[in-house]
Amino acid sequence: MGLLDTAKKAIGVGKAKKVEPSKSKTKKSAKEIATEKGEPWVTVIDIELDPENPGNGAFELDWNEPFIKQLWKAGYRDEEENDMVDRWFQDVCRHVVLESYEKDEAMVTRNDLGDGKTEYR
């Protein structure tokens, strides 16, 4: 081994080193960031669908404490957090369904009957 090789070996040139990420540089999750800011946060983690009937399924949610406080202030007063979040999620789903229904009911079709006449349904 030559002098250059001995020097490289001594200072570790040419060797891969495993570098452990420092704790302070670890990327924080959206939940951690929101929680540190005291902001409400909720997300869908998983969706389970019935393979035989994909219209049936379940959602798995995750949330932080500020979100629970927000629900409490909005009048969701269940004893268990899970029940409170479940009731909130059902309300959101119900609102989406009602909004879609109202749009369907408000749809008006326009038919040109000729001779300057138009039919609206």
PDB file of N, CA and C in Angstrom:
ATOM      1  N   MET A   1       0.858  -1.164   0.000  1.00  0.00           N
ATOM      2  CA  MET A   1       0.000   0.000   0.000  1.00  0.00           C
ATOM      3  C   MET A   1       0.904   1.227   0.000  1.00  0.00           C
ATOM      4  N   GLY A   2       0.585   2.179  -0.872  1.00  0.00           N
ATOM      5  CA  GLY A   2       1.403   3.377  -1.008  1.00  0.00           C
ATOM      6  C   GLY A   2       1.068   4.417   0.048  1.00  0.00           C
ATOM      7  N   LEU A   3       1.835   5.465   0.082  1.00  0.00           N
ATOM      8  CA  LEU A   3       1.664   6.547   1.035  1.00  0.00           C
ATOM      9  C   LEU A   3       0.294   7.217   0.890  1.00  0.00           C
ATOM     10  N   LEU A   4      -0.156   7.420  -0.374  1.00  0.00           N
ATOM     11  CA  LEU A   4      -1.456   8.045  -0.620  1.00  0.00           C
ATOM     12  C   LEU A   4      -2.582   7.161  -0.098  1.00  0.00           C
ATOM     13  N   ASP A   5      -2.482   5.861  -0.353  1.00  0.00           N
ATOM     14  CA  ASP A   5      -3.504   4.931   0.132  1.00  0.00           C
ATOM     15  C   ASP A   5      -3.548   4.903   1.656  1.00  0.00           C
ATOM     16  N   THR A   6      -2.396   4.961   2.293  1.00  0.00           N
ATOM     17  CA  THR A   6      -2.325   4.968   3.749  1.00  0.00           C
ATOM     18  C   THR A   6      -2.976   6.238   4.305  1.00  0.00           C
ATOM     19  N   ALA A   7      -2.740   7.361   3.651  1.00  0.00           N
ATOM     20  CA  ALA A   7      -3.326   8.630   4.091  1.00  0.00           C
ATOM     21  C   ALA A   7      -4.842   8.613   3.931  1.00  0.00           C
ATOM     22  N   LYS A   8      -5.304   8.084   2.785  1.00  0.00           N
ATOM     23  CA  LYS A   8      -6.758   7.997   2.554  1.00  0.00           C
ATOM     24  C   LYS A   8      -7.422   7.118   3.604  1.00  0.00           C
ATOM     25  N   LYS A   9      -6.773   6.009   3.901  1.00  0.00           N
ATOM     26  CA  LYS A   9      -7.333   5.094   4.891  1.00  0.00           C
ATOM     27  C   LYS A   9      -7.398   5.759   6.267  1.00  0.00           C
ATOM     28  N   ALA A  10      -6.383   6.517   6.586  1.00  0.00           N
ATOM     29  CA  ALA A  10      -6.315   7.162   7.897  1.00  0.00           C
ATOM     30  C   ALA A  10      -7.420   8.195   8.082  1.00  0.00           C
ATOM     31  N   ILE A  11      -7.755   8.925   7.011  1.00  0.00           N
ATOM     32  CA  ILE A  11      -8.789   9.952   7.158  1.00  0.00           C
ATOM     33  C   ILE A  11     -10.157   9.482   6.683  1.00  0.00           C
ATOM     34  N   GLY A  12     -10.234   8.243   6.195  1.00  0.00           N
ATOM     35  CA  GLY A  12     -11.518   7.679   5.829  1.00  0.00           C
ATOM     36  C   GLY A  12     -12.020   8.085   4.458  1.00  0.00           C
ATOM     37  N   VAL A  13     -11.203   8.553   3.575  1.00  0.00           N
ATOM     38  CA  VAL A  13     -11.628   8.921   2.227  1.00  0.00           C
ATOM     39  C   VAL A  13     -11.949   7.645   1.462  1.00  0.00           C
ATOM     40  N   GLY A  14     -13.033   7.670   0.718  1.00  0.00           N
ATOM     41  CA  GLY A  14     -13.404   6.533  -0.108  1.00  0.00           C
ATOM     42  C   GLY A  14     -14.240   5.497   0.625  1.00  0.00           C
ATOM     43  N   LYS A  15     -14.565   5.731   1.879  1.00  0.00           N
ATOM     44  CA  LYS A  15     -15.407   4.807   2.631  1.00  0.00           C
ATOM     45  C   LYS A  15     -16.776   5.439   2.853  1.00  0.00           C
ATOM     46  N   ALA A  16     -17.802   4.629   2.702  1.00  0.00           N
ATOM     47  CA  ALA A  16     -19.149   5.108   2.977  1.00  0.00           C
ATOM     48  C   ALA A  16     -19.402   5.022   4.475  1.00  0.00           C
ATOM     49  N   LYS A  17     -19.931   6.073   5.006  1.00  0.00           N
ATOM     50  CA  LYS A  17     -20.259   6.087   6.431  1.00  0.00           C
ATOM     51  C   LYS A  17     -21.761   6.236   6.576  1.00  0.00           C
ATOM     52  N   LYS A  18     -22.295   5.505   7.498  1.00  0.00           N
ATOM     53  CA  LYS A  18     -23.713   5.633   7.796  1.00  0.00           C
ATOM     54  C   LYS A  18     -23.893   6.879   8.649  1.00  0.00           C
ATOM     55  N   VAL A  19     -24.711   7.786   8.146  1.00  0.00           N
ATOM     56  CA  VAL A  19     -24.950   9.030   8.866  1.00  0.00           C
ATOM     57  C   VAL A  19     -26.363   8.966   9.453  1.00  0.00           C
ATOM     58  N   GLU A  20     -26.432   9.047  10.736  1.00  0.00           N
ATOM     59  CA  GLU A  20     -27.723   9.042  11.418  1.00  0.00           C
ATOM     60  C   GLU A  20     -28.349  10.426  11.326  1.00  0.00           C
ATOM     61  N   PRO A  21     -29.612  10.503  10.933  1.00  0.00           N
ATOM     62  CA  PRO A  21     -30.250  11.814  10.890  1.00  0.00           C
ATOM     63  C   PRO A  21     -30.402  12.363  12.302  1.00  0.00           C
ATOM     64  N   SER A  22     -30.154  13.639  12.437  1.00  0.00           N
ATOM     65  CA  SER A  22     -30.302  14.241  13.761  1.00  0.00           C
ATOM     66  C   SER A  22     -31.787  14.408  14.064  1.00  0.00           C
ATOM     67  N   LYS A  23     -32.097  14.352  15.306  1.00  0.00           N
ATOM     68  CA  LYS A  23     -33.495  14.467  15.737  1.00  0.00           C
ATOM     69  C   LYS A  23     -34.098  15.805  15.329  1.00  0.00           C
ATOM     70  N   SER A  24     -33.307  16.862  15.352  1.00  0.00           N
ATOM     71  CA  SER A  24     -33.831  18.188  15.046  1.00  0.00           C
ATOM     72  C   SER A  24     -34.143  18.362  13.567  1.00  0.00           C
ATOM     73  N   LYS A  25     -33.529  17.542  12.704  1.00  0.00           N
ATOM     74  CA  LYS A  25     -33.761  17.670  11.270  1.00  0.00           C
ATOM     75  C   LYS A  25     -34.813  16.696  10.759  1.00  0.00           C
ATOM     76  N   THR A  26     -35.368  15.860  11.632  1.00  0.00           N
ATOM     77  CA  THR A  26     -36.395  14.919  11.222  1.00  0.00           C
ATOM     78  C   THR A  26     -37.634  15.689  10.802  1.00  0.00           C
ATOM     79  N   LYS A  27     -38.153  15.338   9.641  1.00  0.00           N
ATOM     80  CA  LYS A  27     -39.319  16.033   9.116  1.00  0.00           C
ATOM     81  C   LYS A  27     -40.544  15.718   9.984  1.00  0.00           C
ATOM     82  N   LYS A  28     -41.251  16.765  10.363  1.00  0.00           N
ATOM     83  CA  LYS A  28     -42.435  16.597  11.201  1.00  0.00           C
ATOM     84  C   LYS A  28     -43.654  16.311  10.334  1.00  0.00           C
ATOM     85  N   SER A  29     -44.576  15.563  10.895  1.00  0.00           N
ATOM     86  CA  SER A  29     -45.817  15.260  10.181  1.00  0.00           C
ATOM     87  C   SER A  29     -46.733  16.480  10.215  1.00  0.00           C
ATOM     88  N   ALA A  30     -47.710  16.469   9.332  1.00  0.00           N
ATOM     89  CA  ALA A  30     -48.694  17.564   9.300  1.00  0.00           C
ATOM     90  C   ALA A  30     -49.427  17.654  10.634  1.00  0.00           C
ATOM     91  N   LYS A  31     -49.690  16.510  11.235  1.00  0.00           N
ATOM     92  CA  LYS A  31     -50.361  16.487  12.538  1.00  0.00           C
ATOM     93  C   LYS A  31     -49.500  17.153  13.604  1.00  0.00           C
ATOM     94  N   GLU A  32     -48.208  16.822  13.629  1.00  0.00           N
ATOM     95  CA  GLU A  32     -47.301  17.411  14.620  1.00  0.00           C
ATOM     96  C   GLU A  32     -47.188  18.927  14.433  1.00  0.00           C
ATOM     97  N   ILE A  33     -47.090  19.353  13.196  1.00  0.00           N
ATOM     98  CA  ILE A  33     -46.978  20.786  12.917  1.00  0.00           C
ATOM     99  C   ILE A  33     -48.234  21.522  13.369  1.00  0.00           C
ATOM    100  N   ALA A  34     -49.399  20.982  13.006  1.00  0.00           N
ATOM    101  CA  ALA A  34     -50.663  21.619  13.396  1.00  0.00           C
ATOM    102  C   ALA A  34     -50.818  21.630  14.913  1.00  0.00           C
ATOM    103  N   THR A  35     -50.475  20.535  15.557  1.00  0.00           N
ATOM    104  CA  THR A  35     -50.605  20.441  17.011  1.00  0.00           C
ATOM    105  C   THR A  35     -49.707  21.469  17.704  1.00  0.00           C
ATOM    106  N   GLU A  36     -48.466  21.598  17.219  1.00  0.00           N
ATOM    107  CA  GLU A  36     -47.553  22.584  17.805  1.00  0.00           C
ATOM    108  C   GLU A  36     -48.091  24.004  17.649  1.00  0.00           C
ATOM    109  N   LYS A  37     -48.802  24.265  16.555  1.00  0.00           N
ATOM    110  CA  LYS A  37     -49.374  25.590  16.315  1.00  0.00           C
ATOM    111  C   LYS A  37     -50.715  25.769  17.032  1.00  0.00           C
ATOM    112  N   GLY A  38     -51.238  24.666  17.606  1.00  0.00           N
ATOM    113  CA  GLY A  38     -52.532  24.720  18.276  1.00  0.00           C
ATOM    114  C   GLY A  38     -53.692  24.743  17.296  1.00  0.00           C
ATOM    115  N   GLU A  39     -53.452  24.265  16.065  1.00  0.00           N
ATOM    116  CA  GLU A  39     -54.485  24.277  15.020  1.00  0.00           C
ATOM    117  C   GLU A  39     -55.188  22.927  14.941  1.00  0.00           C
ATOM    118  N   PRO A  40     -56.508  22.936  14.716  1.00  0.00           N
ATOM    119  CA  PRO A  40     -57.239  21.682  14.543  1.00  0.00           C
ATOM    120  C   PRO A  40     -56.754  20.950  13.294  1.00  0.00           C
ATOM    121  N   TRP A  41     -56.684  19.621  13.386  1.00  0.00           N
ATOM    122  CA  TRP A  41     -56.203  18.804  12.277  1.00  0.00           C
ATOM    123  C   TRP A  41     -56.925  17.472  12.308  1.00  0.00           C
ATOM    124  N   VAL A  42     -57.401  17.023  11.137  1.00  0.00           N
ATOM    125  CA  VAL A  42     -58.029  15.709  10.997  1.00  0.00           C
ATOM    126  C   VAL A  42     -57.744  15.211   9.588  1.00  0.00           C
ATOM    127  N   THR A  43     -57.596  13.900   9.447  1.00  0.00           N
ATOM    128  CA  THR A  43     -57.358  13.318   8.131  1.00  0.00           C
ATOM    129  C   THR A  43     -57.906  11.898   8.076  1.00  0.00           C
ATOM    130  N   VAL A  44     -58.132  11.420   6.850  1.00  0.00           N
ATOM    131  CA  VAL A  44     -58.523  10.032   6.624  1.00  0.00           C
ATOM    132  C   VAL A  44     -57.237   9.229   6.469  1.00  0.00           C
ATOM    133  N   ILE A  45     -57.045   8.217   7.314  1.00  0.00           N
ATOM    134  CA  ILE A  45     -55.858   7.375   7.262  1.00  0.00           C
ATOM    135  C   ILE A  45     -56.077   6.218   6.300  1.00  0.00           C
ATOM    136  N   ASP A  46     -57.268   5.634   6.355  1.00  0.00           N
ATOM    137  CA  ASP A  46     -57.527   4.433   5.576  1.00  0.00           C
ATOM    138  C   ASP A  46     -59.011   4.361   5.229  1.00  0.00           C
ATOM    139  N   ILE A  47     -59.280   3.722   4.119  1.00  0.00           N
ATOM    140  CA  ILE A  47     -60.659   3.468   3.698  1.00  0.00           C
ATOM    141  C   ILE A  47     -60.779   1.973   3.445  1.00  0.00           C
ATOM    142  N   GLU A  48     -61.736   1.349   4.078  1.00  0.00           N
ATOM    143  CA  GLU A  48     -61.992  -0.071   3.866  1.00  0.00           C
ATOM    144  C   GLU A  48     -63.279  -0.210   3.079  1.00  0.00           C
ATOM    145  N   LEU A  49     -63.220  -0.934   1.965  1.00  0.00           N
ATOM    146  CA  LEU A  49     -64.397  -1.150   1.137  1.00  0.00           C
ATOM    147  C   LEU A  49     -64.743  -2.626   1.124  1.00  0.00           C
ATOM    148  N   ASP A  50     -66.041  -2.913   1.120  1.00  0.00           N
ATOM    149  CA  ASP A  50     -66.520  -4.277   0.994  1.00  0.00           C
ATOM    150  C   ASP A  50     -66.325  -4.695  -0.459  1.00  0.00           C
ATOM    151  N   PRO A  51     -65.517  -5.716  -0.728  1.00  0.00           N
ATOM    152  CA  PRO A  51     -65.248  -6.105  -2.116  1.00  0.00           C
ATOM    153  C   PRO A  51     -66.513  -6.548  -2.855  1.00  0.00           C
ATOM    154  N   GLU A  52     -67.478  -7.077  -2.132  1.00  0.00           N
ATOM    155  CA  GLU A  52     -68.735  -7.519  -2.742  1.00  0.00           C
ATOM    156  C   GLU A  52     -69.678  -6.355  -3.006  1.00  0.00           C
ATOM    157  N   ASN A  53     -69.569  -5.318  -2.173  1.00  0.00           N
ATOM    158  CA  ASN A  53     -70.440  -4.159  -2.306  1.00  0.00           C
ATOM    159  C   ASN A  53     -69.633  -2.909  -1.969  1.00  0.00           C
ATOM    160  N   PRO A  54     -68.943  -2.322  -2.975  1.00  0.00           N
ATOM    161  CA  PRO A  54     -68.062  -1.191  -2.690  1.00  0.00           C
ATOM    162  C   PRO A  54     -68.781   0.044  -2.164  1.00  0.00           C
ATOM    163  N   GLY A  55     -70.109   0.047  -2.169  1.00  0.00           N
ATOM    164  CA  GLY A  55     -70.858   1.145  -1.576  1.00  0.00           C
ATOM    165  C   GLY A  55     -70.848   1.085  -0.060  1.00  0.00           C
ATOM    166  N   ASN A  56     -70.416  -0.040   0.490  1.00  0.00           N
ATOM    167  CA  ASN A  56     -70.294  -0.212   1.939  1.00  0.00           C
ATOM    168  C   ASN A  56     -68.832  -0.163   2.321  1.00  0.00           C
ATOM    169  N   GLY A  57     -68.555   0.507   3.391  1.00  0.00           N
ATOM    170  CA  GLY A  57     -67.171   0.581   3.821  1.00  0.00           C
ATOM    171  C   GLY A  57     -67.033   1.372   5.097  1.00  0.00           C
ATOM    172  N   ALA A  58     -65.800   1.642   5.442  1.00  0.00           N
ATOM    173  CA  ALA A  58     -65.513   2.380   6.663  1.00  0.00           C
ATOM    174  C   ALA A  58     -64.298   3.261   6.435  1.00  0.00           C
ATOM    175  N   PHE A  59     -64.235   4.351   7.172  1.00  0.00           N
ATOM    176  CA  PHE A  59     -63.111   5.271   7.133  1.00  0.00           C
ATOM    177  C   PHE A  59     -62.400   5.215   8.479  1.00  0.00           C
ATOM    178  N   GLU A  60     -61.079   5.238   8.439  1.00  0.00           N
ATOM    179  CA  GLU A  60     -60.305   5.357   9.659  1.00  0.00           C
ATOM    180  C   GLU A  60     -59.724   6.771   9.682  1.00  0.00           C
ATOM    181  N   LEU A  61     -60.017   7.501  10.741  1.00  0.00           N
ATOM    182  CA  LEU A  61     -59.594   8.891  10.853  1.00  0.00           C
ATOM    183  C   LEU A  61     -58.540   9.055  11.933  1.00  0.00           C
ATOM    184  N   ASP A  62     -57.750  10.113  11.797  1.00  0.00           N
ATOM    185  CA  ASP A  62     -56.800  10.505  12.838  1.00  0.00           C
ATOM    186  C   ASP A  62     -56.998  11.998  13.073  1.00  0.00           C
ATOM    187  N   TRP A  63     -56.799  12.448  14.311  1.00  0.00           N
ATOM    188  CA  TRP A  63     -57.033  13.851  14.643  1.00  0.00           C
ATOM    189  C   TRP A  63     -56.132  14.246  15.794  1.00  0.00           C
ATOM    190  N   ASN A  64     -56.107  15.543  16.067  1.00  0.00           N
ATOM    191  CA  ASN A  64     -55.321  16.035  17.192  1.00  0.00           C
ATOM    192  C   ASN A  64     -56.248  16.656  18.241  1.00  0.00           C
ATOM    193  N   GLU A  65     -55.679  17.012  19.368  1.00  0.00           N
ATOM    194  CA  GLU A  65     -56.461  17.564  20.487  1.00  0.00           C
ATOM    195  C   GLU A  65     -57.149  18.892  20.131  1.00  0.00           C
ATOM    196  N   PRO A  66     -56.473  19.814  19.408  1.00  0.00           N
ATOM    197  CA  PRO A  66     -57.184  21.048  19.023  1.00  0.00           C
ATOM    198  C   PRO A  66     -58.442  20.783  18.184  1.00  0.00           C
ATOM    199  N   PHE A  67     -58.439  19.704  17.395  1.00  0.00           N
ATOM    200  CA  PHE A  67     -59.639  19.358  16.623  1.00  0.00           C
ATOM    201  C   PHE A  67     -60.770  18.957  17.566  1.00  0.00           C
ATOM    202  N   ILE A  68     -60.447  18.198  18.597  1.00  0.00           N
ATOM    203  CA  ILE A  68     -61.461  17.796  19.578  1.00  0.00           C
ATOM    204  C   ILE A  68     -62.024  19.020  20.279  1.00  0.00           C
ATOM    205  N   LYS A  69     -61.152  19.964  20.628  1.00  0.00           N
ATOM    206  CA  LYS A  69     -61.615  21.205  21.266  1.00  0.00           C
ATOM    207  C   LYS A  69     -62.535  21.985  20.329  1.00  0.00           C
ATOM    208  N   GLN A  70     -62.201  21.995  19.036  1.00  0.00           N
ATOM    209  CA  GLN A  70     -63.044  22.683  18.052  1.00  0.00           C
ATOM    210  C   GLN A  70     -64.426  22.023  17.977  1.00  0.00           C
ATOM    211  N   LEU A  71     -64.459  20.693  17.973  1.00  0.00           N
ATOM    212  CA  LEU A  71     -65.748  19.987  17.948  1.00  0.00           C
ATOM    213  C   LEU A  71     -66.548  20.295  19.208  1.00  0.00           C
ATOM    214  N   TRP A  72     -65.878  20.314  20.346  1.00  0.00           N
ATOM    215  CA  TRP A  72     -66.541  20.598  21.622  1.00  0.00           C
ATOM    216  C   TRP A  72     -67.198  21.979  21.573  1.00  0.00           C
ATOM    217  N   LYS A  73     -66.440  22.976  21.075  1.00  0.00           N
ATOM    218  CA  LYS A  73     -66.982  24.335  20.960  1.00  0.00           C
ATOM    219  C   LYS A  73     -68.144  24.402  19.989  1.00  0.00           C
ATOM    220  N   ALA A  74     -68.155  23.497  18.991  1.00  0.00           N
ATOM    221  CA  ALA A  74     -69.225  23.484  17.985  1.00  0.00           C
ATOM    222  C   ALA A  74     -70.456  22.707  18.463  1.00  0.00           C
ATOM    223  N   GLY A  75     -70.394  22.171  19.683  1.00  0.00           N
ATOM    224  CA  GLY A  75     -71.574  21.510  20.235  1.00  0.00           C
ATOM    225  C   GLY A  75     -71.534  19.994  20.228  1.00  0.00           C
ATOM    226  N   TYR A  76     -70.448  19.396  19.807  1.00  0.00           N
ATOM    227  CA  TYR A  76     -70.310  17.937  19.855  1.00  0.00           C
ATOM    228  C   TYR A  76     -69.832  17.594  21.259  1.00  0.00           C
ATOM    229  N   ARG A  77     -70.728  17.061  22.079  1.00  0.00           N
ATOM    230  CA  ARG A  77     -70.411  16.882  23.498  1.00  0.00           C
ATOM    231  C   ARG A  77     -70.438  15.420  23.939  1.00  0.00           C
ATOM    232  N   ASP A  78     -70.093  14.499  23.062  1.00  0.00           N
ATOM    233  CA  ASP A  78     -70.050  13.094  23.441  1.00  0.00           C
ATOM    234  C   ASP A  78     -68.933  12.876  24.469  1.00  0.00           C
ATOM    235  N   GLU A  79     -69.081  11.847  25.279  1.00  0.00           N
ATOM    236  CA  GLU A  79     -68.074  11.581  26.301  1.00  0.00           C
ATOM    237  C   GLU A  79     -66.781  11.046  25.700  1.00  0.00           C
ATOM    238  N   GLU A  80     -66.874  10.224  24.697  1.00  0.00           N
ATOM    239  CA  GLU A  80     -65.696   9.627  24.073  1.00  0.00           C
ATOM    240  C   GLU A  80     -65.302  10.402  22.825  1.00  0.00           C
ATOM    241  N   GLU A  81     -64.001  10.624  22.647  1.00  0.00           N
ATOM    242  CA  GLU A  81     -63.509  11.323  21.461  1.00  0.00           C
ATOM    243  C   GLU A  81     -63.943  10.615  20.183  1.00  0.00           C
ATOM    244  N   ASN A  82     -63.832   9.287  20.167  1.00  0.00           N
ATOM    245  CA  ASN A  82     -64.204   8.527  18.972  1.00  0.00           C
ATOM    246  C   ASN A  82     -65.650   8.776  18.587  1.00  0.00           C
ATOM    247  N   ASP A  83     -66.537   8.811  19.578  1.00  0.00           N
ATOM    248  CA  ASP A  83     -67.955   9.039  19.298  1.00  0.00           C
ATOM    249  C   ASP A  83     -68.178  10.448  18.749  1.00  0.00           C
ATOM    250  N   MET A  84     -67.468  11.401  19.308  1.00  0.00           N
ATOM    251  CA  MET A  84     -67.589  12.793  18.876  1.00  0.00           C
ATOM    252  C   MET A  84     -67.141  12.939  17.411  1.00  0.00           C
ATOM    253  N   VAL A  85     -65.995  12.364  17.090  1.00  0.00           N
ATOM    254  CA  VAL A  85     -65.463  12.452  15.726  1.00  0.00           C
ATOM    255  C   VAL A  85     -66.360  11.680  14.768  1.00  0.00           C
ATOM    256  N   ASP A  86     -66.867  10.541  15.200  1.00  0.00           N
ATOM    257  CA  ASP A  86     -67.760   9.749  14.358  1.00  0.00           C
ATOM    258  C   ASP A  86     -69.031  10.532  14.036  1.00  0.00           C
ATOM    259  N   ARG A  87     -69.603  11.180  15.029  1.00  0.00           N
ATOM    260  CA  ARG A  87     -70.820  11.974  14.801  1.00  0.00           C
ATOM    261  C   ARG A  87     -70.541  13.145  13.867  1.00  0.00           C
ATOM    262  N   TRP A  88     -69.375  13.800  14.053  1.00  0.00           N
ATOM    263  CA  TRP A  88     -68.987  14.897  13.160  1.00  0.00           C
ATOM    264  C   TRP A  88     -68.847  14.396  11.725  1.00  0.00           C
ATOM    265  N   PHE A  89     -68.177  13.243  11.549  1.00  0.00           N
ATOM    266  CA  PHE A  89     -67.957  12.711  10.207  1.00  0.00           C
ATOM    267  C   PHE A  89     -69.291  12.329   9.551  1.00  0.00           C
ATOM    268  N   GLN A  90     -70.198  11.772  10.317  1.00  0.00           N
ATOM    269  CA  GLN A  90     -71.535  11.461   9.778  1.00  0.00           C
ATOM    270  C   GLN A  90     -72.243  12.738   9.339  1.00  0.00           C
ATOM    271  N   ASP A  91     -72.108  13.808  10.117  1.00  0.00           N
ATOM    272  CA  ASP A  91     -72.710  15.094   9.733  1.00  0.00           C
ATOM    273  C   ASP A  91     -72.117  15.612   8.426  1.00  0.00           C
ATOM    274  N   VAL A  92     -70.797  15.492   8.270  1.00  0.00           N
ATOM    275  CA  VAL A  92     -70.141  15.929   7.029  1.00  0.00           C
ATOM    276  C   VAL A  92     -70.677  15.114   5.855  1.00  0.00           C
ATOM    277  N   CYS A  93     -70.745  13.796   6.013  1.00  0.00           N
ATOM    278  CA  CYS A  93     -71.246  12.930   4.934  1.00  0.00           C
ATOM    279  C   CYS A  93     -72.699  13.260   4.602  1.00  0.00           C
ATOM    280  N   ARG A  94     -73.506  13.483   5.631  1.00  0.00           N
ATOM    281  CA  ARG A  94     -74.916  13.832   5.418  1.00  0.00           C
ATOM    282  C   ARG A  94     -75.024  15.142   4.639  1.00  0.00           C
ATOM    283  N   HIS A  95     -74.179  16.116   4.973  1.00  0.00           N
ATOM    284  CA  HIS A  95     -74.195  17.404   4.285  1.00  0.00           C
ATOM    285  C   HIS A  95     -73.834  17.234   2.804  1.00  0.00           C
ATOM    286  N   VAL A  96     -72.850  16.389   2.519  1.00  0.00           N
ATOM    287  CA  VAL A  96     -72.445  16.140   1.133  1.00  0.00           C
ATOM    288  C   VAL A  96     -73.598  15.513   0.353  1.00  0.00           C
ATOM    289  N   VAL A  97     -74.269  14.542   0.961  1.00  0.00           N
ATOM    290  CA  VAL A  97     -75.399  13.885   0.295  1.00  0.00           C
ATOM    291  C   VAL A  97     -76.528  14.889   0.051  1.00  0.00           C
ATOM    292  N   LEU A  98     -76.867  15.684   1.043  1.00  0.00           N
ATOM    293  CA  LEU A  98     -77.938  16.666   0.882  1.00  0.00           C
ATOM    294  C   LEU A  98     -77.592  17.710  -0.170  1.00  0.00           C
ATOM    295  N   GLU A  99     -76.350  18.131  -0.206  1.00  0.00           N
ATOM    296  CA  GLU A  99     -75.925  19.111  -1.199  1.00  0.00           C
ATOM    297  C   GLU A  99     -76.054  18.536  -2.615  1.00  0.00           C
ATOM    298  N   SER A 100     -75.658  17.282  -2.785  1.00  0.00           N
ATOM    299  CA  SER A 100     -75.788  16.625  -4.087  1.00  0.00           C
ATOM    300  C   SER A 100     -77.252  16.482  -4.473  1.00  0.00           C
ATOM    301  N   TYR A 101     -78.091  16.124  -3.507  1.00  0.00           N
ATOM    302  CA  TYR A 101     -79.523  15.969  -3.768  1.00  0.00           C
ATOM    303  C   TYR A 101     -80.140  17.306  -4.196  1.00  0.00           C
ATOM    304  N   GLU A 102     -79.779  18.372  -3.481  1.00  0.00           N
ATOM    305  CA  GLU A 102     -80.327  19.691  -3.822  1.00  0.00           C
ATOM    306  C   GLU A 102     -79.905  20.120  -5.221  1.00  0.00           C
ATOM    307  N   LYS A 103     -78.671  19.818  -5.605  1.00  0.00           N
ATOM    308  CA  LYS A 103     -78.220  20.149  -6.960  1.00  0.00           C
ATOM    309  C   LYS A 103     -79.009  19.366  -7.996  1.00  0.00           C
ATOM    310  N   ASP A 104     -79.250  18.089  -7.710  1.00  0.00           N
ATOM    311  CA  ASP A 104     -80.028  17.264  -8.641  1.00  0.00           C
ATOM    312  C   ASP A 104     -81.446  17.795  -8.779  1.00  0.00           C
ATOM    313  N   GLU A 105     -82.038  18.212  -7.672  1.00  0.00           N
ATOM    314  CA  GLU A 105     -83.405  18.727  -7.700  1.00  0.00           C
ATOM    315  C   GLU A 105     -83.476  20.072  -8.413  1.00  0.00           C
ATOM    316  N   ALA A 106     -82.418  20.849  -8.322  1.00  0.00           N
ATOM    317  CA  ALA A 106     -82.413  22.179  -8.928  1.00  0.00           C
ATOM    318  C   ALA A 106     -82.084  22.135 -10.416  1.00  0.00           C
ATOM    319  N   MET A 107     -81.656  20.988 -10.919  1.00  0.00           N
ATOM    320  CA  MET A 107     -81.299  20.882 -12.335  1.00  0.00           C
ATOM    321  C   MET A 107     -82.543  21.124 -13.183  1.00  0.00           C
ATOM    322  N   VAL A 108     -82.396  21.984 -14.115  1.00  0.00           N
ATOM    323  CA  VAL A 108     -83.488  22.296 -15.027  1.00  0.00           C
ATOM    324  C   VAL A 108     -83.011  21.956 -16.425  1.00  0.00           C
ATOM    325  N   THR A 109     -83.818  21.182 -17.118  1.00  0.00           N
ATOM    326  CA  THR A 109     -83.480  20.890 -18.500  1.00  0.00           C
ATOM    327  C   THR A 109     -84.295  21.794 -19.400  1.00  0.00           C
ATOM    328  N   ARG A 110     -83.665  22.244 -20.466  1.00  0.00           N
ATOM    329  CA  ARG A 110     -84.296  23.177 -21.394  1.00  0.00           C
ATOM    330  C   ARG A 110     -84.424  22.493 -22.737  1.00  0.00           C
ATOM    331  N   ASN A 111     -85.627  22.410 -23.228  1.00  0.00           N
ATOM    332  CA  ASN A 111     -85.887  21.810 -24.535  1.00  0.00           C
ATOM    333  C   ASN A 111     -86.468  22.855 -25.467  1.00  0.00           C
ATOM    334  N   ASP A 112     -85.855  22.999 -26.626  1.00  0.00           N
ATOM    335  CA  ASP A 112     -86.371  23.921 -27.641  1.00  0.00           C
ATOM    336  C   ASP A 112     -87.465  23.192 -28.417  1.00  0.00           C
ATOM    337  N   LEU A 113     -88.686  23.689 -28.302  1.00  0.00           N
ATOM    338  CA  LEU A 113     -89.840  23.037 -28.948  1.00  0.00           C
ATOM    339  C   LEU A 113     -90.083  23.580 -30.365  1.00  0.00           C
ATOM    340  N   GLY A 114     -89.322  24.563 -30.749  1.00  0.00           N
ATOM    341  CA  GLY A 114     -89.523  25.180 -32.078  1.00  0.00           C
ATOM    342  C   GLY A 114     -90.562  26.277 -32.011  1.00  0.00           C
ATOM    343  N   ASP A 115     -90.707  27.022 -33.083  1.00  0.00           N
ATOM    344  CA  ASP A 115     -91.657  28.127 -33.158  1.00  0.00           C
ATOM    345  C   ASP A 115     -91.476  29.104 -31.987  1.00  0.00           C
ATOM    346  N   GLY A 116     -90.255  29.255 -31.505  1.00  0.00           N
ATOM    347  CA  GLY A 116     -90.023  30.206 -30.424  1.00  0.00           C
ATOM    348  C   GLY A 116     -90.454  29.711 -29.059  1.00  0.00           C
ATOM    349  N   LYS A 117     -90.840  28.433 -28.955  1.00  0.00           N
ATOM    350  CA  LYS A 117     -91.316  27.880 -27.693  1.00  0.00           C
ATOM    351  C   LYS A 117     -90.205  27.062 -27.044  1.00  0.00           C
ATOM    352  N   THR A 118     -90.093  27.185 -25.715  1.00  0.00           N
ATOM    353  CA  THR A 118     -89.096  26.444 -24.948  1.00  0.00           C
ATOM    354  C   THR A 118     -89.777  25.793 -23.763  1.00  0.00           C
ATOM    355  N   GLU A 119     -89.382  24.570 -23.499  1.00  0.00           N
ATOM    356  CA  GLU A 119     -89.934  23.825 -22.365  1.00  0.00           C
ATOM    357  C   GLU A 119     -88.825  23.682 -21.314  1.00  0.00           C
ATOM    358  N   TYR A 120     -89.175  23.971 -20.073  1.00  0.00           N
ATOM    359  CA  TYR A 120     -88.234  23.825 -18.958  1.00  0.00           C
ATOM    360  C   TYR A 120     -88.749  22.747 -18.028  1.00  0.00           C
ATOM    361  N   ARG A 121     -87.873  21.839 -17.641  1.00  0.00           N
ATOM    362  CA  ARG A 121     -88.245  20.780 -16.690  1.00  0.00           C
ATOM    363  C   ARG A 121     -87.298  20.784 -15.540  1.00  0.00           C
TER     364      ARG A 121
END
